Amino acid sequence: MNLTISGHHLEVTPALRSYVTTKLDRITRHFDQVVDVKVLLSIENQKEKERRQRAECNIHVKGNDMFAESAHEDLYAAVDELMDKLDRQVVRHKDKVQNHQHQPSKRLM
């Protein structure tokens, strides 16, 4: 799995990097065919304080690309919300990929 964590208008500290990687473990626990993950953390210059910290993520899994974004006044809360969204998407994709068809039962005569 290729993991890229980058920051826009902020420095990605080792504590922030380890926080994001521990949260990403939840996604890889549900679906192990993750090929590439790109996380972008940014701070926007807005007058309002809420929704200023943003977290975006692109995930490339086998057969699909997923994107989610989240904005919050706290960057760690934005990462939590982002991982919740991605987790739901990954679980939904896993359910679609799994073969739900059963073998037809043989007729008894």
PDB file of N, CA and C in Angstrom:
ATOM      1  N   MET A   1       0.844  -1.172   0.000  1.00  0.00           N
ATOM      2  CA  MET A   1       0.000   0.000   0.000  1.00  0.00           C
ATOM      3  C   MET A   1       0.889   1.235   0.000  1.00  0.00           C
ATOM      4  N   ASN A   2       0.680   2.094  -0.969  1.00  0.00           N
ATOM      5  CA  ASN A   2       1.409   3.356  -1.042  1.00  0.00           C
ATOM      6  C   ASN A   2       0.625   4.406  -0.273  1.00  0.00           C
ATOM      7  N   LEU A   3       1.278   5.065   0.672  1.00  0.00           N
ATOM      8  CA  LEU A   3       0.630   6.070   1.499  1.00  0.00           C
ATOM      9  C   LEU A   3       1.344   7.397   1.317  1.00  0.00           C
ATOM     10  N   THR A   4       0.585   8.438   0.961  1.00  0.00           N
ATOM     11  CA  THR A   4       1.125   9.779   0.802  1.00  0.00           C
ATOM     12  C   THR A   4       0.310  10.726   1.675  1.00  0.00           C
ATOM     13  N   ILE A   5       0.983  11.375   2.623  1.00  0.00           N
ATOM     14  CA  ILE A   5       0.325  12.366   3.477  1.00  0.00           C
ATOM     15  C   ILE A   5       1.008  13.695   3.219  1.00  0.00           C
ATOM     16  N   SER A   6       0.239  14.671   2.756  1.00  0.00           N
ATOM     17  CA  SER A   6       0.810  15.979   2.454  1.00  0.00           C
ATOM     18  C   SER A   6      -0.023  17.072   3.097  1.00  0.00           C
ATOM     19  N   GLY A   7       0.594  18.218   3.278  1.00  0.00           N
ATOM     20  CA  GLY A   7      -0.075  19.347   3.901  1.00  0.00           C
ATOM     21  C   GLY A   7      -0.064  20.556   2.999  1.00  0.00           C
ATOM     22  N   HIS A   8      -1.115  21.314   3.050  1.00  0.00           N
ATOM     23  CA  HIS A   8      -1.248  22.542   2.280  1.00  0.00           C
ATOM     24  C   HIS A   8      -1.444  23.676   3.276  1.00  0.00           C
ATOM     25  N   HIS A   9      -0.504  24.584   3.330  1.00  0.00           N
ATOM     26  CA  HIS A   9      -0.477  25.691   4.290  1.00  0.00           C
ATOM     27  C   HIS A   9      -0.270  25.206   5.724  1.00  0.00           C
ATOM     28  N   LEU A  10       0.306  24.041   5.894  1.00  0.00           N
ATOM     29  CA  LEU A  10       0.654  23.553   7.218  1.00  0.00           C
ATOM     30  C   LEU A  10       1.734  22.500   7.098  1.00  0.00           C
ATOM     31  N   GLU A  11       2.471  22.317   8.175  1.00  0.00           N
ATOM     32  CA  GLU A  11       3.512  21.301   8.212  1.00  0.00           C
ATOM     33  C   GLU A  11       2.927  20.041   8.839  1.00  0.00           C
ATOM     34  N   VAL A  12       3.156  18.909   8.186  1.00  0.00           N
ATOM     35  CA  VAL A  12       2.657  17.633   8.704  1.00  0.00           C
ATOM     36  C   VAL A  12       3.658  17.142   9.748  1.00  0.00           C
ATOM     37  N   THR A  13       3.264  17.230  11.005  1.00  0.00           N
ATOM     38  CA  THR A  13       4.136  16.829  12.100  1.00  0.00           C
ATOM     39  C   THR A  13       4.134  15.311  12.240  1.00  0.00           C
ATOM     40  N   PRO A  14       5.136  14.750  12.892  1.00  0.00           N
ATOM     41  CA  PRO A  14       5.138  13.289  13.094  1.00  0.00           C
ATOM     42  C   PRO A  14       3.929  12.805  13.897  1.00  0.00           C
ATOM     43  N   ALA A  15       3.452  13.611  14.841  1.00  0.00           N
ATOM     44  CA  ALA A  15       2.270  13.219  15.612  1.00  0.00           C
ATOM     45  C   ALA A  15       1.036  13.155  14.717  1.00  0.00           C
ATOM     46  N   LEU A  16       0.896  14.117  13.832  1.00  0.00           N
ATOM     47  CA  LEU A  16      -0.236  14.138  12.907  1.00  0.00           C
ATOM     48  C   LEU A  16      -0.135  12.980  11.913  1.00  0.00           C
ATOM     49  N   ARG A  17       1.071  12.701  11.443  1.00  0.00           N
ATOM     50  CA  ARG A  17       1.291  11.592  10.515  1.00  0.00           C
ATOM     51  C   ARG A  17       0.947  10.246  11.168  1.00  0.00           C
ATOM     52  N   SER A  18       1.365  10.054  12.411  1.00  0.00           N
ATOM     53  CA  SER A  18       1.065   8.790  13.093  1.00  0.00           C
ATOM     54  C   SER A  18      -0.425   8.667  13.393  1.00  0.00           C
ATOM     55  N   TYR A  19      -1.098   9.797  13.679  1.00  0.00           N
ATOM     56  CA  TYR A  19      -2.535   9.772  13.927  1.00  0.00           C
ATOM     57  C   TYR A  19      -3.292   9.324  12.682  1.00  0.00           C
ATOM     58  N   VAL A  20      -2.907   9.853  11.526  1.00  0.00           N
ATOM     59  CA  VAL A  20      -3.574   9.491  10.277  1.00  0.00           C
ATOM     60  C   VAL A  20      -3.321   8.020   9.944  1.00  0.00           C
ATOM     61  N   THR A  21      -2.102   7.535  10.143  1.00  0.00           N
ATOM     62  CA  THR A  21      -1.808   6.143   9.823  1.00  0.00           C
ATOM     63  C   THR A  21      -2.535   5.176  10.753  1.00  0.00           C
ATOM     64  N   THR A  22      -2.701   5.541  12.024  1.00  0.00           N
ATOM     65  CA  THR A  22      -3.450   4.653  12.925  1.00  0.00           C
ATOM     66  C   THR A  22      -4.925   4.630  12.549  1.00  0.00           C
ATOM     67  N   LYS A  23      -5.455   5.741  12.090  1.00  0.00           N
ATOM     68  CA  LYS A  23      -6.848   5.761  11.642  1.00  0.00           C
ATOM     69  C   LYS A  23      -7.033   4.988  10.342  1.00  0.00           C
ATOM     70  N   LEU A  24      -6.015   4.990   9.475  1.00  0.00           N
ATOM     71  CA  LEU A  24      -6.105   4.247   8.222  1.00  0.00           C
ATOM     72  C   LEU A  24      -6.046   2.744   8.445  1.00  0.00           C
ATOM     73  N   ASP A  25      -5.534   2.310   9.582  1.00  0.00           N
ATOM     74  CA  ASP A  25      -5.498   0.878   9.883  1.00  0.00           C
ATOM     75  C   ASP A  25      -6.899   0.285   9.932  1.00  0.00           C
ATOM     76  N   ARG A  26      -7.870   1.094  10.334  1.00  0.00           N
ATOM     77  CA  ARG A  26      -9.250   0.618  10.398  1.00  0.00           C
ATOM     78  C   ARG A  26      -9.777   0.279   9.005  1.00  0.00           C
ATOM     79  N   ILE A  27      -9.375   1.062   8.019  1.00  0.00           N
ATOM     80  CA  ILE A  27      -9.826   0.812   6.653  1.00  0.00           C
ATOM     81  C   ILE A  27      -9.157  -0.433   6.098  1.00  0.00           C
ATOM     82  N   THR A  28      -7.867  -0.594   6.336  1.00  0.00           N
ATOM     83  CA  THR A  28      -7.163  -1.767   5.823  1.00  0.00           C
ATOM     84  C   THR A  28      -7.585  -3.031   6.563  1.00  0.00           C
ATOM     85  N   ARG A  29      -8.119  -2.886   7.761  1.00  0.00           N
ATOM     86  CA  ARG A  29      -8.628  -4.047   8.488  1.00  0.00           C
ATOM     87  C   ARG A  29      -9.900  -4.586   7.825  1.00  0.00           C
ATOM     88  N   HIS A  30     -10.715  -3.671   7.283  1.00  0.00           N
ATOM     89  CA  HIS A  30     -11.956  -4.101   6.632  1.00  0.00           C
ATOM     90  C   HIS A  30     -11.726  -4.607   5.211  1.00  0.00           C
ATOM     91  N   PHE A  31     -10.767  -4.030   4.521  1.00  0.00           N
ATOM     92  CA  PHE A  31     -10.546  -4.383   3.114  1.00  0.00           C
ATOM     93  C   PHE A  31      -9.055  -4.325   2.851  1.00  0.00           C
ATOM     94  N   ASP A  32      -8.442  -5.467   2.563  1.00  0.00           N
ATOM     95  CA  ASP A  32      -6.991  -5.518   2.460  1.00  0.00           C
ATOM     96  C   ASP A  32      -6.452  -5.283   1.054  1.00  0.00           C
ATOM     97  N   GLN A  33      -7.297  -5.024   0.075  1.00  0.00           N
ATOM     98  CA  GLN A  33      -6.840  -4.815  -1.294  1.00  0.00           C
ATOM     99  C   GLN A  33      -6.710  -3.337  -1.636  1.00  0.00           C
ATOM    100  N   VAL A  34      -6.212  -2.540  -0.688  1.00  0.00           N
ATOM    101  CA  VAL A  34      -5.993  -1.114  -0.912  1.00  0.00           C
ATOM    102  C   VAL A  34      -4.651  -0.949  -1.614  1.00  0.00           C
ATOM    103  N   VAL A  35      -4.646  -0.261  -2.753  1.00  0.00           N
ATOM    104  CA  VAL A  35      -3.434  -0.102  -3.539  1.00  0.00           C
ATOM    105  C   VAL A  35      -2.726   1.201  -3.202  1.00  0.00           C
ATOM    106  N   ASP A  36      -3.467   2.310  -3.166  1.00  0.00           N
ATOM    107  CA  ASP A  36      -2.854   3.626  -3.029  1.00  0.00           C
ATOM    108  C   ASP A  36      -3.744   4.518  -2.180  1.00  0.00           C
ATOM    109  N   VAL A  37      -3.126   5.284  -1.269  1.00  0.00           N
ATOM    110  CA  VAL A  37      -3.858   6.230  -0.418  1.00  0.00           C
ATOM    111  C   VAL A  37      -3.137   7.566  -0.461  1.00  0.00           C
ATOM    112  N   LYS A  38      -3.888   8.633  -0.772  1.00  0.00           N
ATOM    113  CA  LYS A  38      -3.335   9.985  -0.769  1.00  0.00           C
ATOM    114  C   LYS A  38      -4.186  10.843   0.163  1.00  0.00           C
ATOM    115  N   VAL A  39      -3.551  11.399   1.196  1.00  0.00           N
ATOM    116  CA  VAL A  39      -4.248  12.228   2.174  1.00  0.00           C
ATOM    117  C   VAL A  39      -3.708  13.647   2.056  1.00  0.00           C
ATOM    118  N   LEU A  40      -4.611  14.625   1.962  1.00  0.00           N
ATOM    119  CA  LEU A  40      -4.228  16.030   1.898  1.00  0.00           C
ATOM    120  C   LEU A  40      -4.855  16.752   3.079  1.00  0.00           C
ATOM    121  N   LEU A  41      -4.029  17.323   3.924  1.00  0.00           N
ATOM    122  CA  LEU A  41      -4.483  18.093   5.071  1.00  0.00           C
ATOM    123  C   LEU A  41      -4.214  19.556   4.772  1.00  0.00           C
ATOM    124  N   SER A  42      -5.200  20.423   4.994  1.00  0.00           N
ATOM    125  CA  SER A  42      -5.012  21.827   4.648  1.00  0.00           C
ATOM    126  C   SER A  42      -5.753  22.735   5.624  1.00  0.00           C
ATOM    127  N   ILE A  43      -5.298  23.979   5.638  1.00  0.00           N
ATOM    128  CA  ILE A  43      -5.959  25.040   6.395  1.00  0.00           C
ATOM    129  C   ILE A  43      -6.344  26.112   5.398  1.00  0.00           C
ATOM    130  N   GLU A  44      -7.602  26.477   5.396  1.00  0.00           N
ATOM    131  CA  GLU A  44      -8.080  27.496   4.473  1.00  0.00           C
ATOM    132  C   GLU A  44      -8.194  28.824   5.198  1.00  0.00           C
ATOM    133  N   ASN A  45      -7.949  29.886   4.473  1.00  0.00           N
ATOM    134  CA  ASN A  45      -8.075  31.217   5.050  1.00  0.00           C
ATOM    135  C   ASN A  45      -9.506  31.693   4.880  1.00  0.00           C
ATOM    136  N   GLN A  46     -10.285  31.453   5.903  1.00  0.00           N
ATOM    137  CA  GLN A  46     -11.674  31.906   5.903  1.00  0.00           C
ATOM    138  C   GLN A  46     -11.881  32.767   7.132  1.00  0.00           C
ATOM    139  N   LYS A  47     -12.852  33.634   7.065  1.00  0.00           N
ATOM    140  CA  LYS A  47     -13.141  34.481   8.218  1.00  0.00           C
ATOM    141  C   LYS A  47     -13.781  33.687   9.340  1.00  0.00           C
ATOM    142  N   GLU A  48     -14.604  32.733   8.976  1.00  0.00           N
ATOM    143  CA  GLU A  48     -15.264  31.924   9.999  1.00  0.00           C
ATOM    144  C   GLU A  48     -14.290  30.870  10.516  1.00  0.00           C
ATOM    145  N   LYS A  49     -14.320  30.610  11.793  1.00  0.00           N
ATOM    146  CA  LYS A  49     -13.388  29.671  12.399  1.00  0.00           C
ATOM    147  C   LYS A  49     -13.794  28.223  12.153  1.00  0.00           C
ATOM    148  N   GLU A  50     -15.100  27.957  12.104  1.00  0.00           N
ATOM    149  CA  GLU A  50     -15.511  26.580  11.887  1.00  0.00           C
ATOM    150  C   GLU A  50     -15.330  26.213  10.430  1.00  0.00           C
ATOM    151  N   ARG A  51     -15.092  24.960  10.202  1.00  0.00           N
ATOM    152  CA  ARG A  51     -14.883  24.408   8.865  1.00  0.00           C
ATOM    153  C   ARG A  51     -13.623  24.967   8.200  1.00  0.00           C
ATOM    154  N   ARG A  52     -12.634  25.328   8.965  1.00  0.00           N
ATOM    155  CA  ARG A  52     -11.420  25.892   8.404  1.00  0.00           C
ATOM    156  C   ARG A  52     -10.367  24.817   8.129  1.00  0.00           C
ATOM    157  N   GLN A  53     -10.306  23.816   8.969  1.00  0.00           N
ATOM    158  CA  GLN A  53      -9.348  22.723   8.810  1.00  0.00           C
ATOM    159  C   GLN A  53      -9.985  21.672   7.905  1.00  0.00           C
ATOM    160  N   ARG A  54      -9.279  21.289   6.844  1.00  0.00           N
ATOM    161  CA  ARG A  54      -9.835  20.338   5.884  1.00  0.00           C
ATOM    162  C   ARG A  54      -8.952  19.115   5.772  1.00  0.00           C
ATOM    163  N   ALA A  55      -9.587  17.992   5.557  1.00  0.00           N
ATOM    164  CA  ALA A  55      -8.890  16.736   5.300  1.00  0.00           C
ATOM    165  C   ALA A  55      -9.551  16.076   4.093  1.00  0.00           C
ATOM    166  N   GLU A  56      -8.746  15.700   3.110  1.00  0.00           N
ATOM    167  CA  GLU A  56      -9.235  15.038   1.908  1.00  0.00           C
ATOM    168  C   GLU A  56      -8.447  13.761   1.708  1.00  0.00           C
ATOM    169  N   CYS A  57      -9.080  12.771   1.110  1.00  0.00           N
ATOM    170  CA  CYS A  57      -8.403  11.507   0.888  1.00  0.00           C
ATOM    171  C   CYS A  57      -8.892  10.858  -0.402  1.00  0.00           C
ATOM    172  N   ASN A  58      -7.945  10.377  -1.197  1.00  0.00           N
ATOM    173  CA  ASN A  58      -8.219   9.563  -2.379  1.00  0.00           C
ATOM    174  C   ASN A  58      -7.701   8.169  -2.099  1.00  0.00           C
ATOM    175  N   ILE A  59      -8.549   7.180  -2.282  1.00  0.00           N
ATOM    176  CA  ILE A  59      -8.142   5.788  -2.083  1.00  0.00           C
ATOM    177  C   ILE A  59      -8.371   5.037  -3.383  1.00  0.00           C
ATOM    178  N   HIS A  60      -7.348   4.339  -3.817  1.00  0.00           N
ATOM    179  CA  HIS A  60      -7.459   3.483  -4.991  1.00  0.00           C
ATOM    180  C   HIS A  60      -7.432   2.046  -4.500  1.00  0.00           C
ATOM    181  N   VAL A  61      -8.566   1.370  -4.640  1.00  0.00           N
ATOM    182  CA  VAL A  61      -8.645  -0.043  -4.285  1.00  0.00           C
ATOM    183  C   VAL A  61      -8.791  -0.829  -5.574  1.00  0.00           C
ATOM    184  N   LYS A  62      -8.691  -2.124  -5.462  1.00  0.00           N
ATOM    185  CA  LYS A  62      -8.793  -2.969  -6.647  1.00  0.00           C
ATOM    186  C   LYS A  62     -10.190  -2.842  -7.245  1.00  0.00           C
ATOM    187  N   GLY A  63     -10.279  -2.174  -8.382  1.00  0.00           N
ATOM    188  CA  GLY A  63     -11.540  -2.046  -9.087  1.00  0.00           C
ATOM    189  C   GLY A  63     -12.300  -0.755  -8.865  1.00  0.00           C
ATOM    190  N   ASN A  64     -11.792   0.157  -8.036  1.00  0.00           N
ATOM    191  CA  ASN A  64     -12.562   1.370  -7.755  1.00  0.00           C
ATOM    192  C   ASN A  64     -11.659   2.451  -7.181  1.00  0.00           C
ATOM    193  N   ASP A  65     -12.067   3.706  -7.354  1.00  0.00           N
ATOM    194  CA  ASP A  65     -11.430   4.851  -6.706  1.00  0.00           C
ATOM    195  C   ASP A  65     -12.453   5.507  -5.805  1.00  0.00           C
ATOM    196  N   MET A  66     -12.023   5.879  -4.605  1.00  0.00           N
ATOM    197  CA  MET A  66     -12.929   6.517  -3.652  1.00  0.00           C
ATOM    198  C   MET A  66     -12.346   7.852  -3.202  1.00  0.00           C
ATOM    199  N   PHE A  67     -13.227   8.810  -2.958  1.00  0.00           N
ATOM    200  CA  PHE A  67     -12.809  10.129  -2.504  1.00  0.00           C
ATOM    201  C   PHE A  67     -13.734  10.565  -1.384  1.00  0.00           C
ATOM    202  N   ALA A  68     -13.147  11.200  -0.376  1.00  0.00           N
ATOM    203  CA  ALA A  68     -13.943  11.780   0.701  1.00  0.00           C
ATOM    204  C   ALA A  68     -13.222  13.011   1.212  1.00  0.00           C
ATOM    205  N   GLU A  69     -14.001  13.951   1.723  1.00  0.00           N
ATOM    206  CA  GLU A  69     -13.418  15.148   2.318  1.00  0.00           C
ATOM    207  C   GLU A  69     -14.219  15.525   3.545  1.00  0.00           C
ATOM    208  N   SER A  70     -13.541  16.231   4.436  1.00  0.00           N
ATOM    209  CA  SER A  70     -14.179  16.639   5.671  1.00  0.00           C
ATOM    210  C   SER A  70     -13.583  17.964   6.108  1.00  0.00           C
ATOM    211  N   ALA A  71     -14.400  18.794   6.731  1.00  0.00           N
ATOM    212  CA  ALA A  71     -13.936  20.081   7.238  1.00  0.00           C
ATOM    213  C   ALA A  71     -14.459  20.268   8.656  1.00  0.00           C
ATOM    214  N   HIS A  72     -13.593  20.800   9.513  1.00  0.00           N
ATOM    215  CA  HIS A  72     -13.948  20.985  10.919  1.00  0.00           C
ATOM    216  C   HIS A  72     -13.053  22.071  11.485  1.00  0.00           C
ATOM    217  N   GLU A  73     -13.385  22.555  12.664  1.00  0.00           N
ATOM    218  CA  GLU A  73     -12.522  23.571  13.279  1.00  0.00           C
ATOM    219  C   GLU A  73     -11.270  22.957  13.890  1.00  0.00           C
ATOM    220  N   ASP A  74     -11.278  21.660  14.172  1.00  0.00           N
ATOM    221  CA  ASP A  74     -10.120  20.943  14.689  1.00  0.00           C
ATOM    222  C   ASP A  74      -9.673  19.931  13.642  1.00  0.00           C
ATOM    223  N   LEU A  75      -8.373  19.889  13.348  1.00  0.00           N
ATOM    224  CA  LEU A  75      -7.873  19.010  12.296  1.00  0.00           C
ATOM    225  C   LEU A  75      -8.018  17.540  12.663  1.00  0.00           C
ATOM    226  N   TYR A  76      -7.834  17.209  13.937  1.00  0.00           N
ATOM    227  CA  TYR A  76      -7.980  15.815  14.356  1.00  0.00           C
ATOM    228  C   TYR A  76      -9.437  15.359  14.230  1.00  0.00           C
ATOM    229  N   ALA A  77     -10.372  16.242  14.519  1.00  0.00           N
ATOM    230  CA  ALA A  77     -11.794  15.910  14.347  1.00  0.00           C
ATOM    231  C   ALA A  77     -12.127  15.758  12.864  1.00  0.00           C
ATOM    232  N   ALA A  78     -11.499  16.565  12.017  1.00  0.00           N
ATOM    233  CA  ALA A  78     -11.718  16.438  10.573  1.00  0.00           C
ATOM    234  C   ALA A  78     -11.192  15.100  10.068  1.00  0.00           C
ATOM    235  N   VAL A  79     -10.051  14.651  10.594  1.00  0.00           N
ATOM    236  CA  VAL A  79      -9.501  13.353  10.197  1.00  0.00           C
ATOM    237  C   VAL A  79     -10.418  12.229  10.669  1.00  0.00           C
ATOM    238  N   ASP A  80     -10.955  12.336  11.893  1.00  0.00           N
ATOM    239  CA  ASP A  80     -11.890  11.319  12.392  1.00  0.00           C
ATOM    240  C   ASP A  80     -13.120  11.206  11.497  1.00  0.00           C
ATOM    241  N   GLU A  81     -13.683  12.353  11.153  1.00  0.00           N
ATOM    242  CA  GLU A  81     -14.879  12.361  10.301  1.00  0.00           C
ATOM    243  C   GLU A  81     -14.565  11.814   8.912  1.00  0.00           C
ATOM    244  N   LEU A  82     -13.392  12.142   8.401  1.00  0.00           N
ATOM    245  CA  LEU A  82     -12.964  11.644   7.094  1.00  0.00           C
ATOM    246  C   LEU A  82     -12.837  10.127   7.099  1.00  0.00           C
ATOM    247  N   MET A  83     -12.237   9.574   8.134  1.00  0.00           N
ATOM    248  CA  MET A  83     -12.056   8.128   8.197  1.00  0.00           C
ATOM    249  C   MET A  83     -13.390   7.399   8.370  1.00  0.00           C
ATOM    250  N   ASP A  84     -14.346   8.032   9.057  1.00  0.00           N
ATOM    251  CA  ASP A  84     -15.682   7.434   9.156  1.00  0.00           C
ATOM    252  C   ASP A  84     -16.336   7.335   7.773  1.00  0.00           C
ATOM    253  N   LYS A  85     -16.213   8.403   6.992  1.00  0.00           N
ATOM    254  CA  LYS A  85     -16.795   8.404   5.648  1.00  0.00           C
ATOM    255  C   LYS A  85     -16.129   7.358   4.757  1.00  0.00           C
ATOM    256  N   LEU A  86     -14.809   7.313   4.818  1.00  0.00           N
ATOM    257  CA  LEU A  86     -14.086   6.348   3.983  1.00  0.00           C
ATOM    258  C   LEU A  86     -14.374   4.920   4.402  1.00  0.00           C
ATOM    259  N   ASP A  87     -14.521   4.703   5.700  1.00  0.00           N
ATOM    260  CA  ASP A  87     -14.812   3.356   6.196  1.00  0.00           C
ATOM    261  C   ASP A  87     -16.155   2.871   5.658  1.00  0.00           C
ATOM    262  N   ARG A  88     -17.148   3.741   5.649  1.00  0.00           N
ATOM    263  CA  ARG A  88     -18.451   3.364   5.102  1.00  0.00           C
ATOM    264  C   ARG A  88     -18.342   3.041   3.614  1.00  0.00           C
ATOM    265  N   GLN A  89     -17.571   3.844   2.869  1.00  0.00           N
ATOM    266  CA  GLN A  89     -17.421   3.598   1.443  1.00  0.00           C
ATOM    267  C   GLN A  89     -16.710   2.278   1.167  1.00  0.00           C
ATOM    268  N   VAL A  90     -15.674   1.988   1.951  1.00  0.00           N
ATOM    269  CA  VAL A  90     -14.905   0.760   1.745  1.00  0.00           C
ATOM    270  C   VAL A  90     -15.751  -0.462   2.075  1.00  0.00           C
ATOM    271  N   VAL A  91     -16.521  -0.403   3.153  1.00  0.00           N
ATOM    272  CA  VAL A  91     -17.379  -1.532   3.521  1.00  0.00           C
ATOM    273  C   VAL A  91     -18.445  -1.755   2.450  1.00  0.00           C
ATOM    274  N   ARG A  92     -19.017  -0.679   1.920  1.00  0.00           N
ATOM    275  CA  ARG A  92     -20.011  -0.801   0.858  1.00  0.00           C
ATOM    276  C   ARG A  92     -19.388  -1.406  -0.404  1.00  0.00           C
ATOM    277  N   HIS A  93     -18.170  -0.984  -0.732  1.00  0.00           N
ATOM    278  CA  HIS A  93     -17.482  -1.542  -1.899  1.00  0.00           C
ATOM    279  C   HIS A  93     -17.167  -3.019  -1.688  1.00  0.00           C
ATOM    280  N   LYS A  94     -16.776  -3.381  -0.490  1.00  0.00           N
ATOM    281  CA  LYS A  94     -16.463  -4.780  -0.191  1.00  0.00           C
ATOM    282  C   LYS A  94     -17.705  -5.650  -0.342  1.00  0.00           C
ATOM    283  N   ASP A  95     -18.862  -5.143   0.111  1.00  0.00           N
ATOM    284  CA  ASP A  95     -20.102  -5.899  -0.028  1.00  0.00           C
ATOM    285  C   ASP A  95     -20.480  -6.085  -1.495  1.00  0.00           C
ATOM    286  N   LYS A  96     -20.223  -5.085  -2.328  1.00  0.00           N
ATOM    287  CA  LYS A  96     -20.541  -5.203  -3.746  1.00  0.00           C
ATOM    288  C   LYS A  96     -19.614  -6.187  -4.444  1.00  0.00           C
ATOM    289  N   VAL A  97     -18.370  -6.223  -4.033  1.00  0.00           N
ATOM    290  CA  VAL A  97     -17.379  -7.070  -4.689  1.00  0.00           C
ATOM    291  C   VAL A  97     -17.583  -8.542  -4.351  1.00  0.00           C
ATOM    292  N   GLN A  98     -18.004  -8.810  -3.127  1.00  0.00           N
ATOM    293  CA  GLN A  98     -18.178 -10.198  -2.709  1.00  0.00           C
ATOM    294  C   GLN A  98     -19.252 -10.873  -3.549  1.00  0.00           C
ATOM    295  N   ASN A  99     -19.068 -12.141  -3.790  1.00  0.00           N
ATOM    296  CA  ASN A  99     -20.023 -12.898  -4.582  1.00  0.00           C
ATOM    297  C   ASN A  99     -21.167 -13.334  -3.668  1.00  0.00           C
ATOM    298  N   HIS A 100     -22.342 -12.815  -3.918  1.00  0.00           N
ATOM    299  CA  HIS A 100     -23.499 -13.136  -3.090  1.00  0.00           C
ATOM    300  C   HIS A 100     -24.372 -14.221  -3.716  1.00  0.00           C
ATOM    301  N   GLN A 101     -23.960 -14.736  -4.853  1.00  0.00           N
ATOM    302  CA  GLN A 101     -24.768 -15.754  -5.509  1.00  0.00           C
ATOM    303  C   GLN A 101     -24.435 -17.115  -4.920  1.00  0.00           C
ATOM    304  N   HIS A 102     -25.452 -17.889  -4.680  1.00  0.00           N
ATOM    305  CA  HIS A 102     -25.265 -19.224  -4.129  1.00  0.00           C
ATOM    306  C   HIS A 102     -25.506 -20.262  -5.228  1.00  0.00           C
ATOM    307  N   GLN A 103     -24.953 -21.403  -5.065  1.00  0.00           N
ATOM    308  CA  GLN A 103     -25.183 -22.491  -5.999  1.00  0.00           C
ATOM    309  C   GLN A 103     -26.632 -22.958  -5.840  1.00  0.00           C
ATOM    310  N   PRO A 104     -27.314 -23.173  -6.944  1.00  0.00           N
ATOM    311  CA  PRO A 104     -28.698 -23.638  -6.825  1.00  0.00           C
ATOM    312  C   PRO A 104     -28.720 -25.061  -6.248  1.00  0.00           C
ATOM    313  N   SER A 105     -29.679 -25.303  -5.413  1.00  0.00           N
ATOM    314  CA  SER A 105     -29.766 -26.639  -4.827  1.00  0.00           C
ATOM    315  C   SER A 105     -30.293 -27.620  -5.858  1.00  0.00           C
ATOM    316  N   LYS A 106     -29.851 -28.859  -5.768  1.00  0.00           N
ATOM    317  CA  LYS A 106     -30.283 -29.876  -6.710  1.00  0.00           C
ATOM    318  C   LYS A 106     -31.700 -30.308  -6.381  1.00  0.00           C
ATOM    319  N   ARG A 107     -32.425 -30.548  -7.398  1.00  0.00           N
ATOM    320  CA  ARG A 107     -33.816 -30.992  -7.175  1.00  0.00           C
ATOM    321  C   ARG A 107     -33.856 -32.421  -6.669  1.00  0.00           C
ATOM    322  N   LEU A 108     -34.680 -32.614  -5.730  1.00  0.00           N
ATOM    323  CA  LEU A 108     -34.889 -33.969  -5.213  1.00  0.00           C
ATOM    324  C   LEU A 108     -36.100 -34.579  -5.902  1.00  0.00           C
ATOM    325  N   MET A 109     -35.936 -35.786  -6.428  1.00  0.00           N
ATOM    326  CA  MET A 109     -37.062 -36.431  -7.107  1.00  0.00           C
ATOM    327  C   MET A 109     -37.542 -37.600  -6.341  1.00  0.00           C
TER     328      MET A 109
END
